[in-house]
């Protein structure tokens, strides 16, 4: 993360603390400023297995195909965009947040 983005993020957090910026605005800014983490094939499999769900069930939560989840877990493909954000949310908040 660049120095400029870090400073902007710190400023927005400070503004939220004093009540000038809402929590939602802070969350929106963080979502745009902080890139989602990357996930290896093993990390995706581990995440899915931690929730004790099949590839089909995991795919349904992510609105992805079973084939896509299989390819992620085999390292043939890497998740990107919205899928990365969803994986990040699932990792932090659990599958139930998507229900």
C-alpha atoms as a PDB file:
ATOM      1  CA  UNK A   1       0.000   0.000   0.000  1.00  0.00           C
ATOM      2  CA  UNK A   2       1.402   3.372  -0.961  1.00  0.00           C
ATOM      3  CA  UNK A   3       2.245   6.039   1.595  1.00  0.00           C
ATOM      4  CA  UNK A   4      -0.438   8.326   0.163  1.00  0.00           C
ATOM      5  CA  UNK A   5      -3.172   5.694   0.554  1.00  0.00           C
ATOM      6  CA  UNK A   6      -2.021   4.897   4.098  1.00  0.00           C
ATOM      7  CA  UNK A   7      -2.174   8.578   5.047  1.00  0.00           C
ATOM      8  CA  UNK A   8      -5.589   9.045   3.429  1.00  0.00           C
ATOM      9  CA  UNK A   9      -6.906   5.986   5.262  1.00  0.00           C
ATOM     10  CA  UNK A  10      -5.531   7.291   8.564  1.00  0.00           C
ATOM     11  CA  UNK A  11      -7.186  10.663   7.923  1.00  0.00           C
ATOM     12  CA  UNK A  12     -10.572   9.094   7.187  1.00  0.00           C
ATOM     13  CA  UNK A  13     -10.286   6.943  10.325  1.00  0.00           C
ATOM     14  CA  UNK A  14      -9.503  10.054  12.386  1.00  0.00           C
ATOM     15  CA  UNK A  15     -12.471  11.867  10.843  1.00  0.00           C
ATOM     16  CA  UNK A  16     -14.718   8.938  11.754  1.00  0.00           C
ATOM     17  CA  UNK A  17     -13.471   9.031  15.348  1.00  0.00           C
ATOM     18  CA  UNK A  18     -14.476  12.686  15.723  1.00  0.00           C
ATOM     19  CA  UNK A  19     -17.832  12.105  14.062  1.00  0.00           C
ATOM     20  CA  UNK A  20     -17.292  13.891  10.763  1.00  0.00           C
ATOM     21  CA  UNK A  21     -17.382  10.659   8.730  1.00  0.00           C
ATOM     22  CA  UNK A  22     -19.855   7.824   9.282  1.00  0.00           C
ATOM     23  CA  UNK A  23     -18.807   4.234   9.949  1.00  0.00           C
ATOM     24  CA  UNK A  24     -20.332   3.241   6.604  1.00  0.00           C
ATOM     25  CA  UNK A  25     -18.247   5.826   4.763  1.00  0.00           C
ATOM     26  CA  UNK A  26     -15.144   4.544   6.543  1.00  0.00           C
ATOM     27  CA  UNK A  27     -15.980   0.948   5.555  1.00  0.00           C
ATOM     28  CA  UNK A  28     -16.582   2.026   1.961  1.00  0.00           C
ATOM     29  CA  UNK A  29     -13.287   3.904   1.867  1.00  0.00           C
ATOM     30  CA  UNK A  30     -11.391   0.971   3.379  1.00  0.00           C
ATOM     31  CA  UNK A  31     -12.927  -1.410   0.846  1.00  0.00           C
ATOM     32  CA  UNK A  32     -11.686   0.788  -1.984  1.00  0.00           C
ATOM     33  CA  UNK A  33      -8.301   1.682  -0.481  1.00  0.00           C
ATOM     34  CA  UNK A  34      -7.250  -1.700   0.881  1.00  0.00           C
ATOM     35  CA  UNK A  35      -6.846  -4.390  -1.758  1.00  0.00           C
ATOM     36  CA  UNK A  36      -8.284  -7.805  -0.919  1.00  0.00           C
ATOM     37  CA  UNK A  37      -5.794 -10.481   0.086  1.00  0.00           C
ATOM     38  CA  UNK A  38      -4.723 -13.119  -2.392  1.00  0.00           C
ATOM     39  CA  UNK A  39      -5.581 -16.759  -1.765  1.00  0.00           C
ATOM     40  CA  UNK A  40      -3.543 -19.794  -2.732  1.00  0.00           C
ATOM     41  CA  UNK A  41      -5.241 -23.002  -3.810  1.00  0.00           C
ATOM     42  CA  UNK A  42      -4.460 -24.535  -0.412  1.00  0.00           C
ATOM     43  CA  UNK A  43      -5.837 -21.484   1.427  1.00  0.00           C
ATOM     44  CA  UNK A  44      -9.137 -21.680  -0.461  1.00  0.00           C
ATOM     45  CA  UNK A  45      -9.486 -25.397   0.249  1.00  0.00           C
ATOM     46  CA  UNK A  46      -8.598 -24.799   3.908  1.00  0.00           C
ATOM     47  CA  UNK A  47     -11.161 -21.987   4.176  1.00  0.00           C
ATOM     48  CA  UNK A  48     -13.891 -24.178   2.671  1.00  0.00           C
ATOM     49  CA  UNK A  49     -12.987 -27.152   4.855  1.00  0.00           C
ATOM     50  CA  UNK A  50     -13.027 -24.977   8.002  1.00  0.00           C
ATOM     51  CA  UNK A  51     -16.731 -24.419   7.374  1.00  0.00           C
ATOM     52  CA  UNK A  52     -17.296 -28.136   6.712  1.00  0.00           C
ATOM     53  CA  UNK A  53     -18.997 -27.595   3.359  1.00  0.00           C
ATOM     54  CA  UNK A  54     -18.640 -29.305   0.008  1.00  0.00           C
ATOM     55  CA  UNK A  55     -17.332 -27.559  -3.077  1.00  0.00           C
ATOM     56  CA  UNK A  56     -20.922 -27.391  -4.368  1.00  0.00           C
ATOM     57  CA  UNK A  57     -22.193 -25.662  -1.225  1.00  0.00           C
ATOM     58  CA  UNK A  58     -19.223 -23.295  -1.155  1.00  0.00           C
ATOM     59  CA  UNK A  59     -19.802 -22.445  -4.820  1.00  0.00           C
ATOM     60  CA  UNK A  60     -23.454 -21.697  -4.092  1.00  0.00           C
ATOM     61  CA  UNK A  61     -22.494 -19.238  -1.322  1.00  0.00           C
ATOM     62  CA  UNK A  62     -20.096 -17.509  -3.716  1.00  0.00           C
ATOM     63  CA  UNK A  63     -22.527 -17.594  -6.639  1.00  0.00           C
ATOM     64  CA  UNK A  64     -19.851 -19.454  -8.601  1.00  0.00           C
ATOM     65  CA  UNK A  65     -19.828 -22.761 -10.402  1.00  0.00           C
ATOM     66  CA  UNK A  66     -18.508 -25.932  -8.802  1.00  0.00           C
ATOM     67  CA  UNK A  67     -16.002 -26.094 -11.644  1.00  0.00           C
ATOM     68  CA  UNK A  68     -14.666 -22.660 -10.691  1.00  0.00           C
ATOM     69  CA  UNK A  69     -14.173 -23.669  -7.047  1.00  0.00           C
ATOM     70  CA  UNK A  70     -12.472 -26.884  -8.177  1.00  0.00           C
ATOM     71  CA  UNK A  71     -10.118 -24.908 -10.417  1.00  0.00           C
ATOM     72  CA  UNK A  72      -9.310 -22.508  -7.573  1.00  0.00           C
ATOM     73  CA  UNK A  73      -8.528 -25.409  -5.254  1.00  0.00           C
ATOM     74  CA  UNK A  74      -6.409 -27.149  -7.902  1.00  0.00           C
ATOM     75  CA  UNK A  75      -4.488 -23.969  -8.657  1.00  0.00           C
ATOM     76  CA  UNK A  76      -5.677 -23.905 -12.267  1.00  0.00           C
ATOM     77  CA  UNK A  77      -7.400 -20.553 -11.749  1.00  0.00           C
ATOM     78  CA  UNK A  78      -7.197 -17.724  -9.217  1.00  0.00           C
ATOM     79  CA  UNK A  79     -10.180 -15.829  -7.826  1.00  0.00           C
ATOM     80  CA  UNK A  80     -10.342 -12.142  -8.634  1.00  0.00           C
ATOM     81  CA  UNK A  81     -12.567  -9.107  -8.176  1.00  0.00           C
ATOM     82  CA  UNK A  82     -15.789  -9.752  -6.299  1.00  0.00           C
ATOM     83  CA  UNK A  83     -14.815 -13.362  -5.570  1.00  0.00           C
ATOM     84  CA  UNK A  84     -11.699 -12.179  -3.707  1.00  0.00           C
ATOM     85  CA  UNK A  85     -13.778  -9.742  -1.674  1.00  0.00           C
ATOM     86  CA  UNK A  86     -16.290 -12.478  -0.810  1.00  0.00           C
ATOM     87  CA  UNK A  87     -13.538 -14.866   0.238  1.00  0.00           C
ATOM     88  CA  UNK A  88     -12.115 -12.139   2.448  1.00  0.00           C
ATOM     89  CA  UNK A  89     -15.522 -11.474   4.030  1.00  0.00           C
ATOM     90  CA  UNK A  90     -16.110 -15.206   4.559  1.00  0.00           C
ATOM     91  CA  UNK A  91     -12.694 -15.567   6.159  1.00  0.00           C
ATOM     92  CA  UNK A  92     -13.385 -12.708   8.584  1.00  0.00           C
ATOM     93  CA  UNK A  93     -17.120 -13.094   9.244  1.00  0.00           C
ATOM     94  CA  UNK A  94     -18.069 -16.665   8.295  1.00  0.00           C
ATOM     95  CA  UNK A  95     -20.449 -18.079   5.709  1.00  0.00           C
ATOM     96  CA  UNK A  96     -23.539 -17.029   7.651  1.00  0.00           C
ATOM     97  CA  UNK A  97     -22.901 -13.386   6.750  1.00  0.00           C
ATOM     98  CA  UNK A  98     -23.870 -14.242   3.154  1.00  0.00           C
ATOM     99  CA  UNK A  99     -27.230 -15.734   4.098  1.00  0.00           C
END
